[in-house]
PDB file of N, CA and C in Angstrom:
ATOM      1  N   UNK A   1       3.727  38.312  46.726  1.00  0.00           N
ATOM      2  CA  UNK A   1       4.141  37.051  46.150  1.00  0.00           C
ATOM      3  C   UNK A   1       3.066  36.604  45.138  1.00  0.00           C
ATOM      4  N   UNK A   2       3.492  36.136  43.998  1.00  0.00           N
ATOM      5  CA  UNK A   2       2.587  35.659  42.966  1.00  0.00           C
ATOM      6  C   UNK A   2       2.490  34.139  43.067  1.00  0.00           C
ATOM      7  N   UNK A   3       1.260  33.636  43.053  1.00  0.00           N
ATOM      8  CA  UNK A   3       1.027  32.190  43.117  1.00  0.00           C
ATOM      9  C   UNK A   3       0.386  31.755  41.802  1.00  0.00           C
ATOM     10  N   UNK A   4       0.998  30.791  41.132  1.00  0.00           N
ATOM     11  CA  UNK A   4       0.459  30.237  39.892  1.00  0.00           C
ATOM     12  C   UNK A   4      -0.299  28.962  40.228  1.00  0.00           C
ATOM     13  N   UNK A   5      -1.597  28.939  39.895  1.00  0.00           N
ATOM     14  CA  UNK A   5      -2.397  27.743  40.156  1.00  0.00           C
ATOM     15  C   UNK A   5      -3.396  27.559  39.029  1.00  0.00           C
ATOM     16  N   UNK A   6      -3.952  26.360  38.946  1.00  0.00           N
ATOM     17  CA  UNK A   6      -4.935  26.070  37.914  1.00  0.00           C
ATOM     18  C   UNK A   6      -5.083  24.569  37.745  1.00  0.00           C
ATOM     19  N   UNK A   7      -5.478  24.160  36.540  1.00  0.00           N
ATOM     20  CA  UNK A   7      -5.605  22.740  36.232  1.00  0.00           C
ATOM     21  C   UNK A   7      -4.707  22.415  35.058  1.00  0.00           C
ATOM     22  N   UNK A   8      -4.313  21.163  34.996  1.00  0.00           N
ATOM     23  CA  UNK A   8      -3.444  20.725  33.924  1.00  0.00           C
ATOM     24  C   UNK A   8      -3.615  19.230  33.741  1.00  0.00           C
ATOM     25  N   UNK A   9      -3.436  18.763  32.521  1.00  0.00           N
ATOM     26  CA  UNK A   9      -3.573  17.350  32.208  1.00  0.00           C
ATOM     27  C   UNK A   9      -2.187  16.711  32.162  1.00  0.00           C
ATOM     28  N   UNK A  10      -2.038  15.601  32.898  1.00  0.00           N
ATOM     29  CA  UNK A  10      -0.789  14.855  32.931  1.00  0.00           C
ATOM     30  C   UNK A  10      -1.004  13.559  32.162  1.00  0.00           C
ATOM     31  N   UNK A  11      -0.110  13.265  31.207  1.00  0.00           N
ATOM     32  CA  UNK A  11      -0.222  12.062  30.380  1.00  0.00           C
ATOM     33  C   UNK A  11       0.934  11.134  30.731  1.00  0.00           C
ATOM     34  N   UNK A  12       0.582   9.871  31.052  1.00  0.00           N
ATOM     35  CA  UNK A  12       1.593   8.878  31.432  1.00  0.00           C
ATOM     36  C   UNK A  12       1.406   7.614  30.608  1.00  0.00           C
ATOM     37  N   UNK A  13       2.468   6.789  30.550  1.00  0.00           N
ATOM     38  CA  UNK A  13       2.387   5.494  29.878  1.00  0.00           C
ATOM     39  C   UNK A  13       1.411   4.588  30.609  1.00  0.00           C
ATOM     40  N   UNK A  14       0.771   3.695  29.875  1.00  0.00           N
ATOM     41  CA  UNK A  14      -0.193   2.754  30.429  1.00  0.00           C
ATOM     42  C   UNK A  14       0.378   1.344  30.333  1.00  0.00           C
ATOM     43  N   UNK A  15      -0.119   0.443  31.182  1.00  0.00           N
ATOM     44  CA  UNK A  15       0.362  -0.941  31.200  1.00  0.00           C
ATOM     45  C   UNK A  15      -0.292  -1.814  30.136  1.00  0.00           C
ATOM     46  N   UNK A  16      -1.280  -1.281  29.432  1.00  0.00           N
ATOM     47  CA  UNK A  16      -1.937  -2.075  28.397  1.00  0.00           C
ATOM     48  C   UNK A  16      -0.953  -2.422  27.292  1.00  0.00           C
ATOM     49  N   UNK A  17      -1.174  -3.554  26.665  1.00  0.00           N
ATOM     50  CA  UNK A  17      -0.312  -3.964  25.551  1.00  0.00           C
ATOM     51  C   UNK A  17      -0.623  -3.129  24.313  1.00  0.00           C
ATOM     52  N   UNK A  18       0.385  -2.893  23.490  1.00  0.00           N
ATOM     53  CA  UNK A  18       0.184  -2.173  22.239  1.00  0.00           C
ATOM     54  C   UNK A  18      -0.647  -3.014  21.275  1.00  0.00           C
ATOM     55  N   UNK A  19      -1.308  -2.386  20.358  1.00  0.00           N
ATOM     56  CA  UNK A  19      -2.191  -3.088  19.427  1.00  0.00           C
ATOM     57  C   UNK A  19      -1.489  -3.499  18.153  1.00  0.00           C
ATOM     58  N   UNK A  20      -2.274  -3.741  17.139  1.00  0.00           N
ATOM     59  CA  UNK A  20      -1.756  -4.099  15.815  1.00  0.00           C
ATOM     60  C   UNK A  20      -1.242  -2.856  15.100  1.00  0.00           C
ATOM     61  N   UNK A  21      -0.593  -3.079  13.998  1.00  0.00           N
ATOM     62  CA  UNK A  21      -0.126  -1.971  13.164  1.00  0.00           C
ATOM     63  C   UNK A  21      -1.341  -1.340  12.490  1.00  0.00           C
ATOM     64  N   UNK A  22      -1.470  -0.027  12.654  1.00  0.00           N
ATOM     65  CA  UNK A  22      -2.589   0.717  12.076  1.00  0.00           C
ATOM     66  C   UNK A  22      -2.062   1.988  11.435  1.00  0.00           C
ATOM     67  N   UNK A  23      -2.855   2.554  10.546  1.00  0.00           N
ATOM     68  CA  UNK A  23      -2.475   3.809   9.911  1.00  0.00           C
ATOM     69  C   UNK A  23      -2.945   4.972  10.777  1.00  0.00           C
ATOM     70  N   UNK A  24      -2.047   5.897  11.059  1.00  0.00           N
ATOM     71  CA  UNK A  24      -2.380   7.079  11.857  1.00  0.00           C
ATOM     72  C   UNK A  24      -3.219   8.037  11.011  1.00  0.00           C
ATOM     73  N   UNK A  25      -4.377   8.483  11.523  1.00  0.00           N
ATOM     74  CA  UNK A  25      -5.205   9.432  10.765  1.00  0.00           C
ATOM     75  C   UNK A  25      -4.542  10.800  10.589  1.00  0.00           C
ATOM     76  N   UNK A  26      -3.588  11.124  11.453  1.00  0.00           N
ATOM     77  CA  UNK A  26      -2.960  12.434  11.399  1.00  0.00           C
ATOM     78  C   UNK A  26      -1.808  12.495  10.397  1.00  0.00           C
ATOM     79  N   UNK A  27      -0.850  11.553  10.508  1.00  0.00           N
ATOM     80  CA  UNK A  27       0.340  11.614   9.646  1.00  0.00           C
ATOM     81  C   UNK A  27       0.330  10.592   8.512  1.00  0.00           C
ATOM     82  N   UNK A  28      -0.545   9.572   8.572  1.00  0.00           N
ATOM     83  CA  UNK A  28      -0.651   8.592   7.503  1.00  0.00           C
ATOM     84  C   UNK A  28       0.357   7.457   7.578  1.00  0.00           C
ATOM     85  N   UNK A  29       1.227   7.440   8.584  1.00  0.00           N
ATOM     86  CA  UNK A  29       2.217   6.369   8.743  1.00  0.00           C
ATOM     87  C   UNK A  29       1.559   5.129   9.350  1.00  0.00           C
ATOM     88  N   UNK A  30       2.101   3.952   9.032  1.00  0.00           N
ATOM     89  CA  UNK A  30       1.650   2.710   9.653  1.00  0.00           C
ATOM     90  C   UNK A  30       2.507   2.460  10.880  1.00  0.00           C
ATOM     91  N   UNK A  31       1.886   2.508  12.064  1.00  0.00           N
ATOM     92  CA  UNK A  31       2.615   2.411  13.333  1.00  0.00           C
ATOM     93  C   UNK A  31       1.838   1.554  14.330  1.00  0.00           C
ATOM     94  N   UNK A  32       2.506   1.171  15.407  1.00  0.00           N
ATOM     95  CA  UNK A  32       1.853   0.552  16.564  1.00  0.00           C
ATOM     96  C   UNK A  32       1.669   1.675  17.578  1.00  0.00           C
ATOM     97  N   UNK A  33       0.419   2.007  17.887  1.00  0.00           N
ATOM     98  CA  UNK A  33       0.124   3.105  18.799  1.00  0.00           C
ATOM     99  C   UNK A  33       0.535   2.760  20.225  1.00  0.00           C
ATOM    100  N   UNK A  34       1.023   3.777  20.959  1.00  0.00           N
ATOM    101  CA  UNK A  34       1.397   3.604  22.361  1.00  0.00           C
ATOM    102  C   UNK A  34       0.176   3.865  23.236  1.00  0.00           C
ATOM    103  N   UNK A  35      -0.164   2.935  24.146  1.00  0.00           N
ATOM    104  CA  UNK A  35      -1.272   3.200  25.067  1.00  0.00           C
ATOM    105  C   UNK A  35      -0.822   4.173  26.163  1.00  0.00           C
ATOM    106  N   UNK A  36      -1.651   5.173  26.461  1.00  0.00           N
ATOM    107  CA  UNK A  36      -1.343   6.191  27.466  1.00  0.00           C
ATOM    108  C   UNK A  36      -2.574   6.422  28.332  1.00  0.00           C
ATOM    109  N   UNK A  37      -2.430   7.114  29.462  1.00  0.00           N
ATOM    110  CA  UNK A  37      -3.526   7.525  30.331  1.00  0.00           C
ATOM    111  C   UNK A  37      -3.371   9.020  30.596  1.00  0.00           C
ATOM    112  N   UNK A  38      -4.469   9.743  30.542  1.00  0.00           N
ATOM    113  CA  UNK A  38      -4.462  11.184  30.818  1.00  0.00           C
ATOM    114  C   UNK A  38      -5.324  11.450  32.045  1.00  0.00           C
ATOM    115  N   UNK A  39      -4.810  12.266  32.953  1.00  0.00           N
ATOM    116  CA  UNK A  39      -5.516  12.601  34.198  1.00  0.00           C
ATOM    117  C   UNK A  39      -5.369  14.096  34.427  1.00  0.00           C
ATOM    118  N   UNK A  40      -6.469  14.763  34.746  1.00  0.00           N
ATOM    119  CA  UNK A  40      -6.418  16.191  35.062  1.00  0.00           C
ATOM    120  C   UNK A  40      -6.127  16.361  36.550  1.00  0.00           C
ATOM    121  N   UNK A  41      -5.279  17.337  36.872  1.00  0.00           N
ATOM    122  CA  UNK A  41      -4.883  17.631  38.243  1.00  0.00           C
ATOM    123  C   UNK A  41      -5.021  19.119  38.516  1.00  0.00           C
ATOM    124  N   UNK A  42      -5.283  19.459  39.784  1.00  0.00           N
ATOM    125  CA  UNK A  42      -5.147  20.831  40.242  1.00  0.00           C
ATOM    126  C   UNK A  42      -3.671  21.007  40.571  1.00  0.00           C
ATOM    127  N   UNK A  43      -3.075  22.095  40.095  1.00  0.00           N
ATOM    128  CA  UNK A  43      -1.654  22.289  40.332  1.00  0.00           C
ATOM    129  C   UNK A  43      -1.372  23.650  40.952  1.00  0.00           C
ATOM    130  N   UNK A  44      -0.272  23.727  41.674  1.00  0.00           N
ATOM    131  CA  UNK A  44       0.268  24.977  42.195  1.00  0.00           C
ATOM    132  C   UNK A  44       1.728  25.024  41.760  1.00  0.00           C
ATOM    133  N   UNK A  45       2.116  26.092  41.104  1.00  0.00           N
ATOM    134  CA  UNK A  45       3.461  26.234  40.550  1.00  0.00           C
ATOM    135  C   UNK A  45       3.809  25.053  39.645  1.00  0.00           C
ATOM    136  N   UNK A  46       2.867  24.603  38.837  1.00  0.00           N
ATOM    137  CA  UNK A  46       3.027  23.532  37.847  1.00  0.00           C
ATOM    138  C   UNK A  46       3.346  22.173  38.466  1.00  0.00           C
ATOM    139  N   UNK A  47       3.089  22.014  39.762  1.00  0.00           N
ATOM    140  CA  UNK A  47       3.260  20.727  40.442  1.00  0.00           C
ATOM    141  C   UNK A  47       1.869  20.129  40.634  1.00  0.00           C
ATOM    142  N   UNK A  48       1.564  18.970  39.993  1.00  0.00           N
ATOM    143  CA  UNK A  48       0.231  18.373  40.143  1.00  0.00           C
ATOM    144  C   UNK A  48       0.021  17.878  41.565  1.00  0.00           C
ATOM    145  N   UNK A  49      -1.103  18.298  42.191  1.00  0.00           N
ATOM    146  CA  UNK A  49      -1.357  17.958  43.587  1.00  0.00           C
ATOM    147  C   UNK A  49      -2.590  17.095  43.789  1.00  0.00           C
ATOM    148  N   UNK A  50      -3.730  17.513  43.249  1.00  0.00           N
ATOM    149  CA  UNK A  50      -4.997  16.840  43.519  1.00  0.00           C
ATOM    150  C   UNK A  50      -5.610  16.355  42.207  1.00  0.00           C
ATOM    151  N   UNK A  51      -5.837  15.028  42.051  1.00  0.00           N
ATOM    152  CA  UNK A  51      -6.458  14.542  40.809  1.00  0.00           C
ATOM    153  C   UNK A  51      -7.928  14.946  40.732  1.00  0.00           C
ATOM    154  N   UNK A  52      -8.385  15.210  39.512  1.00  0.00           N
ATOM    155  CA  UNK A  52      -9.784  15.584  39.276  1.00  0.00           C
ATOM    156  C   UNK A  52     -10.417  14.551  38.364  1.00  0.00           C
ATOM    157  N   UNK A  53     -11.465  13.887  38.821  1.00  0.00           N
ATOM    158  CA  UNK A  53     -12.187  12.936  37.987  1.00  0.00           C
ATOM    159  C   UNK A  53     -11.400  11.672  37.697  1.00  0.00           C
ATOM    160  N   UNK A  54     -11.873  10.938  36.672  1.00  0.00           N
ATOM    161  CA  UNK A  54     -11.235   9.684  36.278  1.00  0.00           C
ATOM    162  C   UNK A  54     -10.190   9.926  35.207  1.00  0.00           C
ATOM    163  N   UNK A  55      -9.254   8.988  35.112  1.00  0.00           N
ATOM    164  CA  UNK A  55      -8.275   9.078  34.033  1.00  0.00           C
ATOM    165  C   UNK A  55      -8.916   8.579  32.738  1.00  0.00           C
ATOM    166  N   UNK A  56      -8.393   9.037  31.618  1.00  0.00           N
ATOM    167  CA  UNK A  56      -8.942   8.706  30.304  1.00  0.00           C
ATOM    168  C   UNK A  56      -7.905   7.931  29.515  1.00  0.00           C
ATOM    169  N   UNK A  57      -8.336   6.880  28.832  1.00  0.00           N
ATOM    170  CA  UNK A  57      -7.441   6.098  27.991  1.00  0.00           C
ATOM    171  C   UNK A  57      -7.177   6.803  26.674  1.00  0.00           C
ATOM    172  N   UNK A  58      -5.929   6.808  26.248  1.00  0.00           N
ATOM    173  CA  UNK A  58      -5.520   7.421  24.996  1.00  0.00           C
ATOM    174  C   UNK A  58      -4.607   6.465  24.243  1.00  0.00           C
ATOM    175  N   UNK A  59      -4.476   6.701  22.953  1.00  0.00           N
ATOM    176  CA  UNK A  59      -3.399   6.083  22.188  1.00  0.00           C
ATOM    177  C   UNK A  59      -2.634   7.217  21.523  1.00  0.00           C
ATOM    178  N   UNK A  60      -1.309   7.035  21.393  1.00  0.00           N
ATOM    179  CA  UNK A  60      -0.466   8.084  20.844  1.00  0.00           C
ATOM    180  C   UNK A  60       0.374   7.527  19.710  1.00  0.00           C
ATOM    181  N   UNK A  61       0.432   8.270  18.627  1.00  0.00           N
ATOM    182  CA  UNK A  61       1.266   7.899  17.482  1.00  0.00           C
ATOM    183  C   UNK A  61       2.717   8.211  17.830  1.00  0.00           C
ATOM    184  N   UNK A  62       3.625   7.234  17.724  1.00  0.00           N
ATOM    185  CA  UNK A  62       5.033   7.515  18.038  1.00  0.00           C
ATOM    186  C   UNK A  62       5.728   8.397  16.996  1.00  0.00           C
ATOM    187  N   UNK A  63       5.160   8.533  15.805  1.00  0.00           N
ATOM    188  CA  UNK A  63       5.771   9.355  14.760  1.00  0.00           C
ATOM    189  C   UNK A  63       5.440  10.848  14.925  1.00  0.00           C
ATOM    190  N   UNK A  64       4.132  11.164  14.984  1.00  0.00           N
ATOM    191  CA  UNK A  64       3.721  12.571  15.014  1.00  0.00           C
ATOM    192  C   UNK A  64       3.231  13.026  16.390  1.00  0.00           C
ATOM    193  N   UNK A  65       3.147  12.102  17.347  1.00  0.00           N
ATOM    194  CA  UNK A  65       2.706  12.363  18.719  1.00  0.00           C
ATOM    195  C   UNK A  65       1.245  12.841  18.817  1.00  0.00           C
ATOM    196  N   UNK A  66       0.446  12.558  17.807  1.00  0.00           N
ATOM    197  CA  UNK A  66      -0.980  12.877  17.865  1.00  0.00           C
ATOM    198  C   UNK A  66      -1.638  11.906  18.850  1.00  0.00           C
ATOM    199  N   UNK A  67      -2.588  12.394  19.627  1.00  0.00           N
ATOM    200  CA  UNK A  67      -3.267  11.574  20.624  1.00  0.00           C
ATOM    201  C   UNK A  67      -4.739  11.454  20.275  1.00  0.00           C
ATOM    202  N   UNK A  68      -5.258  10.241  20.473  1.00  0.00           N
ATOM    203  CA  UNK A  68      -6.663   9.943  20.168  1.00  0.00           C
ATOM    204  C   UNK A  68      -7.289   9.251  21.363  1.00  0.00           C
ATOM    205  N   UNK A  69      -8.513   9.662  21.731  1.00  0.00           N
ATOM    206  CA  UNK A  69      -9.219   9.068  22.874  1.00  0.00           C
ATOM    207  C   UNK A  69      -9.642   7.645  22.538  1.00  0.00           C
ATOM    208  N   UNK A  70      -9.604   6.774  23.537  1.00  0.00           N
ATOM    209  CA  UNK A  70     -10.036   5.396  23.399  1.00  0.00           C
ATOM    210  C   UNK A  70     -11.405   5.285  24.059  1.00  0.00           C
ATOM    211  N   UNK A  71     -12.384   4.877  23.285  1.00  0.00           N
ATOM    212  CA  UNK A  71     -13.751   4.742  23.795  1.00  0.00           C
ATOM    213  C   UNK A  71     -14.076   3.282  23.970  1.00  0.00           C
ATOM    214  N   UNK A  72     -14.611   2.918  25.135  1.00  0.00           N
ATOM    215  CA  UNK A  72     -15.032   1.545  25.369  1.00  0.00           C
ATOM    216  C   UNK A  72     -16.367   1.311  24.674  1.00  0.00           C
ATOM    217  N   UNK A  73     -16.468   0.199  23.954  1.00  0.00           N
ATOM    218  CA  UNK A  73     -17.745  -0.081  23.273  1.00  0.00           C
ATOM    219  C   UNK A  73     -18.289  -1.408  23.676  1.00  0.00           C
TER     220      UNK A  73
END
């Protein structure tokens, strides 16, 4: 029997409010970025089982789906 296991990042919507209209560095469109959270998990057969570390804040462009890390300052 073959067992597929490893790590994978799961990205989900976040409860934070969306920001102002900004220009996306990737596609150049003016959009309101979607707040997201990314968390790495250990998975077996592509089913996430055990979370690894802390989740990371992201914003995602709704046009081109490019994702950018959010850094607290």
